[in-house]
Amino acid sequence: MRMRKKKWADPWLEEHSDYIYADPQENKGKWKQVLNCRELHVEIGMGKGDYLIHMAAMYPEIGWVGMEKDHSAAAVASRKVIEGGSKHITNNRMICGYAENMQKWFADGEIDVIHLNFSDPWPKKHAHKKRLSSSKFLEMYRGLLCKDGCIRMKTDNKDLFEDSVLYFIQNDFVLSEFSVDYHRMDHPEDAITEYEAKFMELGQPIYQLCAMPRRDTSNMIK
């Protein structure tokens, strides 16, 4: 559900552009230096930021970048961090913008993990190309991920999950994790998103996978 527009959002984003960027081209290829980390995770579609904030606190040695196109949601997420105290800001930043622009903001091979949490399922067939797991996005992610990088996906939407599994396979990705009931086991290593908590309360299964792009093995010794 789209968040109601907040009048204070755009002034807030402009005032705090040193933390949440509109167009961080100057950081391209430098994110690990900016965040003082050796491993970089990017969450696309962070919503109100709960997952990013909790994971950044759980793993302070990792750099985290959250992306959100909705200005109101991005403002709410950044406000949680900024008003939570500067100690939570050091290993994470946010971007208010569209995933289509990622190649402007991240260098090839710069990202270790891409997180797709409860992305818009775009249920109508003519809109499937807008899905963040569709072929055009997977092609882009392949270039941005490092050699051993991966994409981690969670969703409550069965149709999106089933289609996404096919998208990954068709685009030469290898699934290293796959679950149609992610929370039948505890996952203390992984934060629970706001949407995830609601679906769990309703007893709905959470679908999860981890996919890695297959690299060229033509030069490997047989």
N, C-alpha and C. Protein backbone atom coordinates (compact mmCIF):
# COMPACT_ATOMS: atom_id res chain seq x y z
N MET A 1 0.84 -1.19 0.00
CA MET A 1 0.00 0.00 0.00
C MET A 1 0.88 1.25 0.00
N ARG A 2 0.58 2.17 -0.91
CA ARG A 2 1.37 3.40 -1.03
C ARG A 2 1.14 4.30 0.19
N MET A 3 2.21 4.84 0.71
CA MET A 3 2.11 5.72 1.87
C MET A 3 1.52 7.06 1.47
N ARG A 4 0.68 7.60 2.35
CA ARG A 4 0.12 8.93 2.10
C ARG A 4 1.25 9.96 2.07
N LYS A 5 1.18 10.87 1.11
CA LYS A 5 2.24 11.86 0.94
C LYS A 5 2.35 12.76 2.16
N LYS A 6 3.58 12.97 2.61
CA LYS A 6 3.86 13.80 3.78
C LYS A 6 4.45 15.13 3.31
N LYS A 7 3.85 16.22 3.73
CA LYS A 7 4.26 17.54 3.27
C LYS A 7 5.69 17.88 3.69
N TRP A 8 6.13 17.31 4.79
CA TRP A 8 7.46 17.64 5.29
C TRP A 8 8.57 16.82 4.62
N ALA A 9 8.19 15.83 3.80
CA ALA A 9 9.17 14.88 3.27
C ALA A 9 10.25 15.54 2.41
N ASP A 10 9.85 16.30 1.40
CA ASP A 10 10.84 16.87 0.49
C ASP A 10 11.77 17.87 1.18
N PRO A 11 11.26 18.78 2.03
CA PRO A 11 12.19 19.66 2.76
C PRO A 11 13.15 18.87 3.65
N TRP A 12 12.66 17.79 4.27
CA TRP A 12 13.52 16.96 5.12
C TRP A 12 14.63 16.31 4.30
N LEU A 13 14.27 15.74 3.15
CA LEU A 13 15.26 15.08 2.31
C LEU A 13 16.32 16.06 1.82
N GLU A 14 15.90 17.25 1.48
CA GLU A 14 16.85 18.26 1.03
C GLU A 14 17.77 18.69 2.16
N GLU A 15 17.23 18.82 3.36
CA GLU A 15 18.02 19.26 4.52
C GLU A 15 19.05 18.22 4.91
N HIS A 16 18.74 16.95 4.70
CA HIS A 16 19.63 15.87 5.15
C HIS A 16 20.26 15.12 3.97
N SER A 17 20.59 15.86 2.93
CA SER A 17 21.15 15.26 1.72
C SER A 17 22.56 14.70 1.92
N ASP A 18 23.17 14.98 3.09
CA ASP A 18 24.47 14.38 3.37
C ASP A 18 24.33 12.95 3.87
N TYR A 19 23.11 12.55 4.22
CA TYR A 19 22.85 11.17 4.64
C TYR A 19 22.01 10.42 3.62
N ILE A 20 20.92 11.04 3.15
CA ILE A 20 20.07 10.41 2.15
C ILE A 20 20.19 11.21 0.86
N TYR A 21 20.72 10.54 -0.16
CA TYR A 21 21.07 11.22 -1.40
C TYR A 21 19.96 11.12 -2.44
N ALA A 22 19.93 12.12 -3.32
CA ALA A 22 19.03 12.08 -4.47
C ALA A 22 19.76 11.53 -5.70
N ASP A 23 21.05 11.81 -5.81
CA ASP A 23 21.82 11.38 -6.98
C ASP A 23 23.30 11.28 -6.60
N PRO A 24 23.67 10.22 -5.88
CA PRO A 24 25.03 10.11 -5.32
C PRO A 24 26.09 9.63 -6.31
N GLN A 25 26.18 10.27 -7.45
CA GLN A 25 27.16 9.82 -8.45
C GLN A 25 28.59 9.95 -7.95
N GLU A 26 28.81 10.90 -7.03
CA GLU A 26 30.18 11.10 -6.53
C GLU A 26 30.67 9.92 -5.69
N ASN A 27 29.73 9.08 -5.23
CA ASN A 27 30.12 7.92 -4.41
C ASN A 27 30.37 6.66 -5.24
N LYS A 28 30.13 6.72 -6.53
CA LYS A 28 30.30 5.55 -7.38
C LYS A 28 31.73 5.02 -7.29
N GLY A 29 31.85 3.76 -6.93
CA GLY A 29 33.16 3.14 -6.77
C GLY A 29 33.85 3.46 -5.46
N LYS A 30 33.19 4.25 -4.60
CA LYS A 30 33.81 4.69 -3.35
C LYS A 30 32.97 4.35 -2.11
N TRP A 31 31.90 3.57 -2.29
CA TRP A 31 30.99 3.33 -1.16
C TRP A 31 31.67 2.66 0.02
N LYS A 32 32.57 1.74 -0.24
CA LYS A 32 33.23 1.04 0.87
C LYS A 32 34.17 1.98 1.62
N GLN A 33 34.72 2.92 0.91
CA GLN A 33 35.54 3.95 1.56
C GLN A 33 34.66 4.88 2.39
N VAL A 34 33.52 5.30 1.81
CA VAL A 34 32.60 6.19 2.51
C VAL A 34 32.08 5.56 3.79
N LEU A 35 31.76 4.26 3.73
CA LEU A 35 31.16 3.56 4.88
C LEU A 35 32.19 2.81 5.71
N ASN A 36 33.47 2.91 5.31
CA ASN A 36 34.56 2.27 6.05
C ASN A 36 34.29 0.78 6.27
N CYS A 37 34.07 0.07 5.17
CA CYS A 37 33.74 -1.35 5.26
C CYS A 37 34.41 -2.10 4.11
N ARG A 38 34.43 -3.42 4.24
CA ARG A 38 34.96 -4.27 3.18
C ARG A 38 33.85 -5.01 2.44
N GLU A 39 32.64 -4.93 2.96
CA GLU A 39 31.51 -5.62 2.36
C GLU A 39 30.34 -4.66 2.26
N LEU A 40 29.71 -4.61 1.08
CA LEU A 40 28.63 -3.65 0.84
C LEU A 40 27.33 -4.36 0.50
N HIS A 41 26.26 -4.06 1.26
CA HIS A 41 24.93 -4.58 1.01
C HIS A 41 24.03 -3.43 0.57
N VAL A 42 23.18 -3.69 -0.42
CA VAL A 42 22.24 -2.69 -0.92
C VAL A 42 20.83 -3.27 -0.88
N GLU A 43 19.92 -2.58 -0.18
CA GLU A 43 18.52 -2.99 -0.16
C GLU A 43 17.74 -2.09 -1.11
N ILE A 44 17.10 -2.70 -2.10
CA ILE A 44 16.31 -1.95 -3.07
C ILE A 44 14.85 -1.99 -2.64
N GLY A 45 14.26 -0.82 -2.42
CA GLY A 45 12.90 -0.75 -1.93
C GLY A 45 12.85 -0.95 -0.43
N MET A 46 13.51 -0.06 0.31
CA MET A 46 13.65 -0.23 1.77
C MET A 46 12.41 0.17 2.54
N GLY A 47 11.43 0.83 1.87
CA GLY A 47 10.22 1.25 2.58
C GLY A 47 10.55 2.21 3.71
N LYS A 48 10.05 1.90 4.90
CA LYS A 48 10.28 2.76 6.07
C LYS A 48 11.61 2.48 6.76
N GLY A 49 12.41 1.59 6.18
CA GLY A 49 13.79 1.42 6.63
C GLY A 49 14.06 0.49 7.78
N ASP A 50 13.05 -0.22 8.29
CA ASP A 50 13.27 -1.06 9.47
C ASP A 50 14.32 -2.14 9.25
N TYR A 51 14.27 -2.81 8.09
CA TYR A 51 15.23 -3.88 7.82
C TYR A 51 16.65 -3.33 7.77
N LEU A 52 16.83 -2.27 7.01
CA LEU A 52 18.16 -1.66 6.87
C LEU A 52 18.71 -1.24 8.23
N ILE A 53 17.89 -0.57 9.02
CA ILE A 53 18.34 -0.06 10.31
C ILE A 53 18.73 -1.20 11.25
N HIS A 54 17.92 -2.23 11.31
CA HIS A 54 18.21 -3.36 12.19
C HIS A 54 19.45 -4.13 11.73
N MET A 55 19.58 -4.34 10.44
CA MET A 55 20.74 -5.08 9.93
C MET A 55 22.02 -4.28 10.10
N ALA A 56 21.94 -2.96 9.91
CA ALA A 56 23.12 -2.12 10.11
C ALA A 56 23.59 -2.16 11.56
N ALA A 57 22.63 -2.27 12.50
CA ALA A 57 22.98 -2.36 13.91
C ALA A 57 23.53 -3.75 14.25
N MET A 58 22.98 -4.79 13.61
CA MET A 58 23.43 -6.16 13.86
C MET A 58 24.81 -6.43 13.29
N TYR A 59 25.12 -5.77 12.17
CA TYR A 59 26.38 -6.02 11.47
C TYR A 59 27.11 -4.69 11.21
N PRO A 60 27.68 -4.10 12.25
CA PRO A 60 28.33 -2.79 12.10
C PRO A 60 29.57 -2.80 11.22
N GLU A 61 30.13 -3.98 10.98
CA GLU A 61 31.32 -4.08 10.15
C GLU A 61 30.98 -4.06 8.65
N ILE A 62 29.69 -4.18 8.33
CA ILE A 62 29.22 -4.19 6.95
C ILE A 62 28.64 -2.82 6.60
N GLY A 63 28.83 -2.40 5.34
CA GLY A 63 28.23 -1.16 4.87
C GLY A 63 26.86 -1.43 4.27
N TRP A 64 25.91 -0.55 4.57
CA TRP A 64 24.53 -0.73 4.12
C TRP A 64 24.02 0.51 3.40
N VAL A 65 23.42 0.29 2.25
CA VAL A 65 22.78 1.37 1.50
C VAL A 65 21.35 0.96 1.21
N GLY A 66 20.40 1.80 1.61
CA GLY A 66 18.99 1.54 1.34
C GLY A 66 18.49 2.46 0.25
N MET A 67 17.70 1.91 -0.68
CA MET A 67 17.15 2.68 -1.77
C MET A 67 15.63 2.67 -1.70
N GLU A 68 15.01 3.82 -1.92
CA GLU A 68 13.55 3.92 -1.90
C GLU A 68 13.12 5.06 -2.83
N LYS A 69 12.18 4.75 -3.74
CA LYS A 69 11.74 5.76 -4.70
C LYS A 69 10.67 6.69 -4.14
N ASP A 70 9.89 6.20 -3.16
CA ASP A 70 8.82 7.01 -2.58
C ASP A 70 9.40 8.02 -1.60
N HIS A 71 9.19 9.30 -1.87
CA HIS A 71 9.81 10.36 -1.06
C HIS A 71 9.33 10.32 0.40
N SER A 72 8.06 10.06 0.61
CA SER A 72 7.54 10.04 1.98
C SER A 72 8.13 8.88 2.77
N ALA A 73 8.17 7.70 2.17
CA ALA A 73 8.74 6.54 2.84
C ALA A 73 10.23 6.76 3.12
N ALA A 74 10.94 7.32 2.14
CA ALA A 74 12.37 7.58 2.31
C ALA A 74 12.62 8.58 3.43
N ALA A 75 11.76 9.58 3.53
CA ALA A 75 11.90 10.58 4.59
C ALA A 75 11.66 9.95 5.95
N VAL A 76 10.64 9.10 6.06
CA VAL A 76 10.37 8.42 7.33
C VAL A 76 11.55 7.54 7.73
N ALA A 77 12.10 6.80 6.76
CA ALA A 77 13.23 5.91 7.05
C ALA A 77 14.45 6.69 7.51
N SER A 78 14.79 7.75 6.81
CA SER A 78 15.98 8.53 7.17
C SER A 78 15.79 9.25 8.50
N ARG A 79 14.58 9.65 8.79
CA ARG A 79 14.31 10.33 10.05
C ARG A 79 14.53 9.39 11.24
N LYS A 80 14.18 8.11 11.06
CA LYS A 80 14.41 7.13 12.12
C LYS A 80 15.89 7.04 12.47
N VAL A 81 16.73 7.06 11.44
CA VAL A 81 18.17 6.94 11.68
C VAL A 81 18.74 8.21 12.28
N ILE A 82 18.43 9.33 11.66
CA ILE A 82 19.01 10.61 12.08
C ILE A 82 18.57 10.99 13.48
N GLU A 83 17.31 10.81 13.78
CA GLU A 83 16.83 11.15 15.12
C GLU A 83 17.17 10.08 16.14
N GLY A 84 17.66 8.93 15.64
CA GLY A 84 18.07 7.85 16.54
C GLY A 84 19.46 8.06 17.10
N GLY A 85 20.20 9.02 16.55
CA GLY A 85 21.54 9.30 17.06
C GLY A 85 22.61 9.01 16.03
N SER A 86 23.68 9.76 16.05
CA SER A 86 24.74 9.66 15.06
C SER A 86 25.45 8.31 15.08
N LYS A 87 25.41 7.59 16.20
CA LYS A 87 26.12 6.31 16.27
C LYS A 87 25.55 5.29 15.30
N HIS A 88 24.31 5.51 14.83
CA HIS A 88 23.68 4.57 13.92
C HIS A 88 23.93 4.93 12.46
N ILE A 89 24.59 6.05 12.21
CA ILE A 89 24.72 6.55 10.85
C ILE A 89 26.02 6.11 10.19
N THR A 90 27.01 5.75 10.93
CA THR A 90 28.35 5.57 10.39
C THR A 90 28.46 4.50 9.31
N ASN A 91 27.71 3.41 9.39
CA ASN A 91 27.88 2.32 8.42
C ASN A 91 26.72 2.21 7.44
N ASN A 92 25.90 3.25 7.32
CA ASN A 92 24.79 3.17 6.36
C ASN A 92 24.43 4.54 5.79
N ARG A 93 23.89 4.50 4.60
CA ARG A 93 23.36 5.68 3.92
C ARG A 93 22.11 5.25 3.17
N MET A 94 21.37 6.24 2.67
CA MET A 94 20.16 5.97 1.92
C MET A 94 20.15 6.77 0.63
N ILE A 95 19.38 6.28 -0.33
CA ILE A 95 19.20 6.96 -1.61
C ILE A 95 17.71 7.06 -1.89
N CYS A 96 17.25 8.23 -2.22
CA CYS A 96 15.85 8.42 -2.63
C CYS A 96 15.86 8.48 -4.15
N GLY A 97 15.59 7.33 -4.78
CA GLY A 97 15.65 7.29 -6.23
C GLY A 97 15.22 5.94 -6.77
N TYR A 98 15.26 5.80 -8.07
CA TYR A 98 14.76 4.61 -8.76
C TYR A 98 15.90 3.62 -9.04
N ALA A 99 15.58 2.33 -8.93
CA ALA A 99 16.57 1.28 -9.14
C ALA A 99 17.16 1.32 -10.54
N GLU A 100 16.41 1.82 -11.51
CA GLU A 100 16.91 1.89 -12.88
C GLU A 100 18.20 2.71 -12.99
N ASN A 101 18.46 3.56 -11.99
CA ASN A 101 19.64 4.42 -12.03
C ASN A 101 20.85 3.87 -11.29
N MET A 102 20.78 2.63 -10.86
CA MET A 102 21.86 2.09 -10.03
C MET A 102 23.23 2.13 -10.68
N GLN A 103 23.27 1.96 -11.99
CA GLN A 103 24.57 1.97 -12.67
C GLN A 103 25.23 3.34 -12.65
N LYS A 104 24.45 4.38 -12.37
CA LYS A 104 25.01 5.72 -12.21
C LYS A 104 25.64 5.88 -10.83
N TRP A 105 25.19 5.07 -9.88
CA TRP A 105 25.57 5.26 -8.48
C TRP A 105 26.54 4.22 -7.94
N PHE A 106 26.61 3.06 -8.59
CA PHE A 106 27.48 1.98 -8.13
C PHE A 106 28.35 1.51 -9.29
N ALA A 107 29.60 1.20 -8.98
CA ALA A 107 30.53 0.72 -10.00
C ALA A 107 30.35 -0.78 -10.21
N ASP A 108 30.80 -1.26 -11.36
CA ASP A 108 30.76 -2.69 -11.62
C ASP A 108 31.54 -3.44 -10.55
N GLY A 109 30.95 -4.51 -10.03
CA GLY A 109 31.62 -5.35 -9.03
C GLY A 109 31.70 -4.74 -7.64
N GLU A 110 30.99 -3.65 -7.39
CA GLU A 110 31.13 -2.94 -6.11
C GLU A 110 30.26 -3.53 -5.01
N ILE A 111 29.15 -4.17 -5.36
CA ILE A 111 28.17 -4.64 -4.38
C ILE A 111 28.37 -6.12 -4.06
N ASP A 112 28.32 -6.45 -2.78
CA ASP A 112 28.45 -7.85 -2.36
C ASP A 112 27.09 -8.55 -2.30
N VAL A 113 26.09 -7.87 -1.77
CA VAL A 113 24.75 -8.47 -1.64
C VAL A 113 23.69 -7.45 -1.98
N ILE A 114 22.72 -7.86 -2.80
CA ILE A 114 21.54 -7.05 -3.09
C ILE A 114 20.35 -7.70 -2.40
N HIS A 115 19.59 -6.91 -1.65
CA HIS A 115 18.41 -7.42 -0.94
C HIS A 115 17.14 -6.91 -1.62
N LEU A 116 16.24 -7.84 -1.93
CA LEU A 116 14.92 -7.51 -2.47
C LEU A 116 13.90 -8.02 -1.46
N ASN A 117 13.40 -7.13 -0.63
CA ASN A 117 12.47 -7.51 0.43
C ASN A 117 11.06 -7.02 0.13
N PHE A 118 10.15 -7.96 -0.12
CA PHE A 118 8.74 -7.64 -0.30
C PHE A 118 8.52 -6.56 -1.35
N SER A 119 9.15 -6.79 -2.48
CA SER A 119 9.06 -5.85 -3.60
C SER A 119 7.64 -5.84 -4.17
N ASP A 120 7.32 -4.75 -4.84
CA ASP A 120 6.02 -4.63 -5.52
C ASP A 120 5.88 -5.80 -6.50
N PRO A 121 4.82 -6.62 -6.39
CA PRO A 121 4.68 -7.79 -7.27
C PRO A 121 4.23 -7.46 -8.68
N TRP A 122 3.76 -6.24 -8.92
CA TRP A 122 3.27 -5.87 -10.25
C TRP A 122 2.50 -7.05 -10.86
N PRO A 123 1.33 -7.37 -10.34
CA PRO A 123 0.62 -8.59 -10.71
C PRO A 123 0.13 -8.67 -12.15
N LYS A 124 -0.19 -7.53 -12.77
CA LYS A 124 -0.68 -7.57 -14.15
C LYS A 124 0.45 -7.92 -15.11
N LYS A 125 0.16 -8.82 -16.03
CA LYS A 125 1.20 -9.37 -16.90
C LYS A 125 1.95 -8.31 -17.67
N HIS A 126 1.24 -7.28 -18.14
CA HIS A 126 1.91 -6.24 -18.94
C HIS A 126 2.90 -5.42 -18.11
N ALA A 127 2.81 -5.53 -16.78
CA ALA A 127 3.70 -4.77 -15.89
C ALA A 127 4.82 -5.61 -15.31
N HIS A 128 4.91 -6.88 -15.68
CA HIS A 128 5.92 -7.77 -15.10
C HIS A 128 7.35 -7.27 -15.33
N LYS A 129 7.56 -6.54 -16.40
CA LYS A 129 8.91 -6.04 -16.68
C LYS A 129 9.37 -5.02 -15.65
N LYS A 130 8.42 -4.50 -14.86
CA LYS A 130 8.77 -3.53 -13.81
C LYS A 130 9.25 -4.22 -12.53
N ARG A 131 9.05 -5.52 -12.45
CA ARG A 131 9.45 -6.25 -11.24
C ARG A 131 10.96 -6.13 -11.03
N LEU A 132 11.37 -5.98 -9.80
CA LEU A 132 12.80 -5.82 -9.49
C LEU A 132 13.60 -7.09 -9.70
N SER A 133 12.90 -8.20 -9.94
CA SER A 133 13.58 -9.46 -10.24
C SER A 133 13.47 -9.83 -11.71
N SER A 134 12.95 -8.93 -12.54
CA SER A 134 12.78 -9.22 -13.96
C SER A 134 14.13 -9.23 -14.68
N SER A 135 14.11 -9.71 -15.89
CA SER A 135 15.36 -9.92 -16.64
C SER A 135 16.19 -8.66 -16.79
N LYS A 136 15.55 -7.51 -17.06
CA LYS A 136 16.33 -6.29 -17.28
C LYS A 136 17.08 -5.87 -16.03
N PHE A 137 16.47 -6.11 -14.86
CA PHE A 137 17.15 -5.79 -13.61
C PHE A 137 18.24 -6.81 -13.30
N LEU A 138 17.97 -8.09 -13.55
CA LEU A 138 18.97 -9.11 -13.28
C LEU A 138 20.23 -8.89 -14.11
N GLU A 139 20.05 -8.45 -15.33
CA GLU A 139 21.21 -8.14 -16.17
C GLU A 139 22.04 -7.03 -15.56
N MET A 140 21.37 -6.01 -15.02
CA MET A 140 22.08 -4.90 -14.38
C MET A 140 22.77 -5.37 -13.10
N TYR A 141 22.05 -6.14 -12.28
CA TYR A 141 22.63 -6.62 -11.02
C TYR A 141 23.89 -7.45 -11.27
N ARG A 142 23.86 -8.25 -12.31
CA ARG A 142 25.00 -9.12 -12.61
C ARG A 142 26.29 -8.30 -12.72
N GLY A 143 26.21 -7.17 -13.37
CA GLY A 143 27.39 -6.33 -13.52
C GLY A 143 27.81 -5.64 -12.24
N LEU A 144 26.84 -5.29 -11.40
CA LEU A 144 27.15 -4.55 -10.18
C LEU A 144 27.66 -5.44 -9.05
N LEU A 145 27.32 -6.73 -9.11
CA LEU A 145 27.75 -7.65 -8.05
C LEU A 145 29.22 -8.03 -8.21
N CYS A 146 29.88 -8.22 -7.08
CA CYS A 146 31.27 -8.68 -7.09
C CYS A 146 31.32 -10.16 -7.49
N LYS A 147 32.49 -10.70 -7.60
CA LYS A 147 32.69 -12.07 -8.09
C LYS A 147 31.84 -13.09 -7.34
N ASP A 148 31.80 -13.00 -6.03
CA ASP A 148 31.02 -13.96 -5.23
C ASP A 148 29.73 -13.34 -4.69
N GLY A 149 29.26 -12.28 -5.35
CA GLY A 149 28.08 -11.58 -4.87
C GLY A 149 26.80 -12.36 -5.10
N CYS A 150 25.73 -11.93 -4.42
CA CYS A 150 24.46 -12.65 -4.53
C CYS A 150 23.28 -11.70 -4.35
N ILE A 151 22.11 -12.21 -4.69
CA ILE A 151 20.85 -11.50 -4.48
C ILE A 151 20.03 -12.30 -3.48
N ARG A 152 19.56 -11.65 -2.43
CA ARG A 152 18.71 -12.28 -1.43
C ARG A 152 17.31 -11.69 -1.55
N MET A 153 16.32 -12.57 -1.68
CA MET A 153 14.95 -12.12 -1.92
C MET A 153 14.00 -12.74 -0.90
N LYS A 154 13.09 -11.92 -0.37
CA LYS A 154 12.00 -12.40 0.48
C LYS A 154 10.70 -11.77 -0.01
N THR A 155 9.63 -12.56 0.00
CA THR A 155 8.33 -12.05 -0.42
C THR A 155 7.22 -12.90 0.17
N ASP A 156 6.04 -12.32 0.27
CA ASP A 156 4.85 -13.07 0.67
C ASP A 156 4.03 -13.48 -0.55
N ASN A 157 4.42 -13.00 -1.73
CA ASN A 157 3.63 -13.18 -2.93
C ASN A 157 4.08 -14.42 -3.70
N LYS A 158 3.22 -15.43 -3.70
CA LYS A 158 3.57 -16.71 -4.32
C LYS A 158 3.82 -16.57 -5.81
N ASP A 159 2.95 -15.83 -6.50
CA ASP A 159 3.11 -15.67 -7.95
C ASP A 159 4.43 -14.97 -8.29
N LEU A 160 4.74 -13.92 -7.55
CA LEU A 160 6.01 -13.22 -7.79
C LEU A 160 7.19 -14.15 -7.54
N PHE A 161 7.12 -14.93 -6.48
CA PHE A 161 8.22 -15.83 -6.14
C PHE A 161 8.41 -16.89 -7.23
N GLU A 162 7.33 -17.52 -7.64
CA GLU A 162 7.43 -18.56 -8.67
C GLU A 162 7.99 -17.99 -9.97
N ASP A 163 7.48 -16.84 -10.37
CA ASP A 163 7.99 -16.21 -11.59
C ASP A 163 9.45 -15.81 -11.44
N SER A 164 9.81 -15.32 -10.26
CA SER A 164 11.19 -14.88 -10.03
C SER A 164 12.17 -16.03 -10.10
N VAL A 165 11.77 -17.18 -9.59
CA VAL A 165 12.64 -18.36 -9.69
C VAL A 165 12.95 -18.64 -11.16
N LEU A 166 11.94 -18.54 -12.02
CA LEU A 166 12.15 -18.74 -13.45
C LEU A 166 13.04 -17.65 -14.03
N TYR A 167 12.83 -16.40 -13.59
CA TYR A 167 13.66 -15.30 -14.09
C TYR A 167 15.14 -15.57 -13.78
N PHE A 168 15.40 -16.00 -12.57
CA PHE A 168 16.79 -16.27 -12.17
C PHE A 168 17.39 -17.39 -13.01
N ILE A 169 16.65 -18.47 -13.16
CA ILE A 169 17.17 -19.61 -13.93
C ILE A 169 17.37 -19.23 -15.39
N GLN A 170 16.40 -18.53 -15.96
CA GLN A 170 16.48 -18.14 -17.37
C GLN A 170 17.63 -17.17 -17.63
N ASN A 171 18.03 -16.43 -16.60
CA ASN A 171 19.12 -15.46 -16.75
C ASN A 171 20.44 -15.97 -16.19
N ASP A 172 20.53 -17.29 -16.05
CA ASP A 172 21.78 -17.96 -15.69
C ASP A 172 22.27 -17.60 -14.29
N PHE A 173 21.34 -17.60 -13.35
CA PHE A 173 21.68 -17.48 -11.93
C PHE A 173 21.53 -18.86 -11.28
N VAL A 174 22.28 -19.09 -10.25
CA VAL A 174 22.23 -20.35 -9.52
C VAL A 174 21.63 -20.09 -8.14
N LEU A 175 20.63 -20.89 -7.76
CA LEU A 175 20.00 -20.74 -6.45
C LEU A 175 20.80 -21.50 -5.40
N SER A 176 21.26 -20.77 -4.38
CA SER A 176 22.00 -21.41 -3.29
C SER A 176 21.12 -21.60 -2.05
N GLU A 177 19.99 -20.88 -2.00
CA GLU A 177 19.00 -21.05 -0.95
C GLU A 177 17.62 -20.95 -1.57
N PHE A 178 16.67 -21.70 -1.00
CA PHE A 178 15.32 -21.72 -1.56
C PHE A 178 14.37 -22.22 -0.49
N SER A 179 13.35 -21.43 -0.16
CA SER A 179 12.39 -21.86 0.86
C SER A 179 11.00 -21.33 0.54
N VAL A 180 9.99 -22.18 0.71
CA VAL A 180 8.60 -21.75 0.55
C VAL A 180 7.94 -21.53 1.91
N ASP A 181 8.74 -21.65 2.97
CA ASP A 181 8.26 -21.37 4.33
C ASP A 181 9.46 -21.00 5.18
N TYR A 182 9.98 -19.82 4.92
CA TYR A 182 11.26 -19.38 5.49
C TYR A 182 11.27 -19.43 7.01
N HIS A 183 10.15 -19.14 7.64
CA HIS A 183 10.13 -19.03 9.10
C HIS A 183 9.66 -20.30 9.81
N ARG A 184 9.70 -21.41 9.10
CA ARG A 184 9.49 -22.67 9.83
C ARG A 184 10.69 -22.96 10.71
N MET A 185 11.80 -22.25 10.41
CA MET A 185 12.99 -22.28 11.26
C MET A 185 13.31 -20.85 11.67
N ASP A 186 13.92 -20.70 12.83
CA ASP A 186 14.33 -19.37 13.28
C ASP A 186 15.51 -18.86 12.46
N HIS A 187 15.54 -17.55 12.24
CA HIS A 187 16.64 -16.93 11.51
C HIS A 187 17.12 -15.70 12.27
N PRO A 188 17.83 -15.93 13.38
CA PRO A 188 18.30 -14.80 14.18
C PRO A 188 19.31 -13.93 13.44
N GLU A 189 19.88 -14.46 12.36
CA GLU A 189 20.88 -13.71 11.60
C GLU A 189 20.24 -12.69 10.66
N ASP A 190 18.92 -12.76 10.52
CA ASP A 190 18.22 -11.95 9.53
C ASP A 190 17.11 -11.15 10.19
N ALA A 191 17.12 -9.84 9.99
CA ALA A 191 16.09 -8.99 10.58
C ALA A 191 14.74 -9.22 9.91
N ILE A 192 13.67 -8.95 10.63
CA ILE A 192 12.31 -9.10 10.12
C ILE A 192 11.79 -7.73 9.71
N THR A 193 11.29 -7.62 8.49
CA THR A 193 10.77 -6.36 8.00
C THR A 193 9.38 -6.10 8.59
N GLU A 194 8.92 -4.86 8.42
CA GLU A 194 7.59 -4.49 8.90
C GLU A 194 6.51 -5.34 8.23
N TYR A 195 6.60 -5.48 6.89
CA TYR A 195 5.62 -6.29 6.17
C TYR A 195 5.70 -7.75 6.61
N GLU A 196 6.92 -8.22 6.78
CA GLU A 196 7.14 -9.62 7.15
C GLU A 196 6.46 -9.95 8.47
N ALA A 197 6.58 -9.06 9.45
CA ALA A 197 5.97 -9.29 10.76
C ALA A 197 4.45 -9.40 10.64
N LYS A 198 3.85 -8.56 9.79
CA LYS A 198 2.40 -8.59 9.61
C LYS A 198 1.95 -9.90 8.99
N PHE A 199 2.69 -10.37 7.98
CA PHE A 199 2.32 -11.61 7.32
C PHE A 199 2.52 -12.81 8.25
N MET A 200 3.54 -12.75 9.07
CA MET A 200 3.78 -13.84 10.02
C MET A 200 2.64 -13.92 11.03
N GLU A 201 2.15 -12.77 11.47
CA GLU A 201 1.03 -12.75 12.42
C GLU A 201 -0.22 -13.37 11.81
N LEU A 202 -0.36 -13.23 10.49
CA LEU A 202 -1.51 -13.79 9.79
C LEU A 202 -1.31 -15.26 9.42
N GLY A 203 -0.13 -15.78 9.73
CA GLY A 203 0.17 -17.18 9.42
C GLY A 203 0.50 -17.43 7.97
N GLN A 204 0.82 -16.37 7.22
CA GLN A 204 1.16 -16.53 5.81
C GLN A 204 2.62 -16.93 5.66
N PRO A 205 2.92 -17.86 4.76
CA PRO A 205 4.31 -18.26 4.57
C PRO A 205 5.12 -17.16 3.91
N ILE A 206 6.40 -17.11 4.23
CA ILE A 206 7.34 -16.19 3.60
C ILE A 206 8.21 -17.00 2.66
N TYR A 207 8.31 -16.56 1.41
CA TYR A 207 9.14 -17.23 0.41
C TYR A 207 10.50 -16.54 0.36
N GLN A 208 11.55 -17.35 0.24
CA GLN A 208 12.90 -16.78 0.31
C GLN A 208 13.85 -17.53 -0.61
N LEU A 209 14.79 -16.80 -1.17
CA LEU A 209 15.83 -17.43 -1.97
C LEU A 209 17.09 -16.59 -1.94
N CYS A 210 18.18 -17.22 -2.31
CA CYS A 210 19.45 -16.54 -2.54
C CYS A 210 19.97 -17.03 -3.88
N ALA A 211 20.34 -16.10 -4.75
CA ALA A 211 20.78 -16.45 -6.10
C ALA A 211 22.11 -15.78 -6.42
N MET A 212 22.96 -16.53 -7.10
CA MET A 212 24.26 -16.03 -7.52
C MET A 212 24.38 -16.13 -9.04
N PRO A 213 24.89 -15.10 -9.70
CA PRO A 213 25.08 -15.20 -11.15
C PRO A 213 26.15 -16.23 -11.48
N ARG A 214 25.85 -17.08 -12.44
CA ARG A 214 26.83 -18.05 -12.89
C ARG A 214 27.93 -17.32 -13.65
N ARG A 215 29.15 -17.52 -13.24
CA ARG A 215 30.27 -16.85 -13.90
C ARG A 215 30.82 -17.72 -15.02
N ASP A 216 31.53 -17.10 -15.93
CA ASP A 216 32.10 -17.82 -17.07
C ASP A 216 33.13 -18.82 -16.59
N THR A 217 32.90 -20.08 -16.89
CA THR A 217 33.83 -21.14 -16.46
C THR A 217 34.57 -21.76 -17.65
N SER A 218 34.53 -21.09 -18.80
CA SER A 218 35.11 -21.66 -20.02
C SER A 218 36.61 -21.85 -19.92
N ASN A 219 37.27 -21.04 -19.03
CA ASN A 219 38.71 -21.14 -18.92
C ASN A 219 39.18 -22.02 -17.77
N MET A 220 38.22 -22.68 -17.10
CA MET A 220 38.59 -23.54 -16.00
C MET A 220 39.21 -24.84 -16.48
N ILE A 221 40.17 -25.34 -15.72
CA ILE A 221 40.81 -26.61 -16.07
C ILE A 221 39.84 -27.75 -15.81
N LYS A 222 39.65 -28.61 -16.79
CA LYS A 222 38.73 -29.74 -16.65
C LYS A 222 39.47 -30.99 -16.24
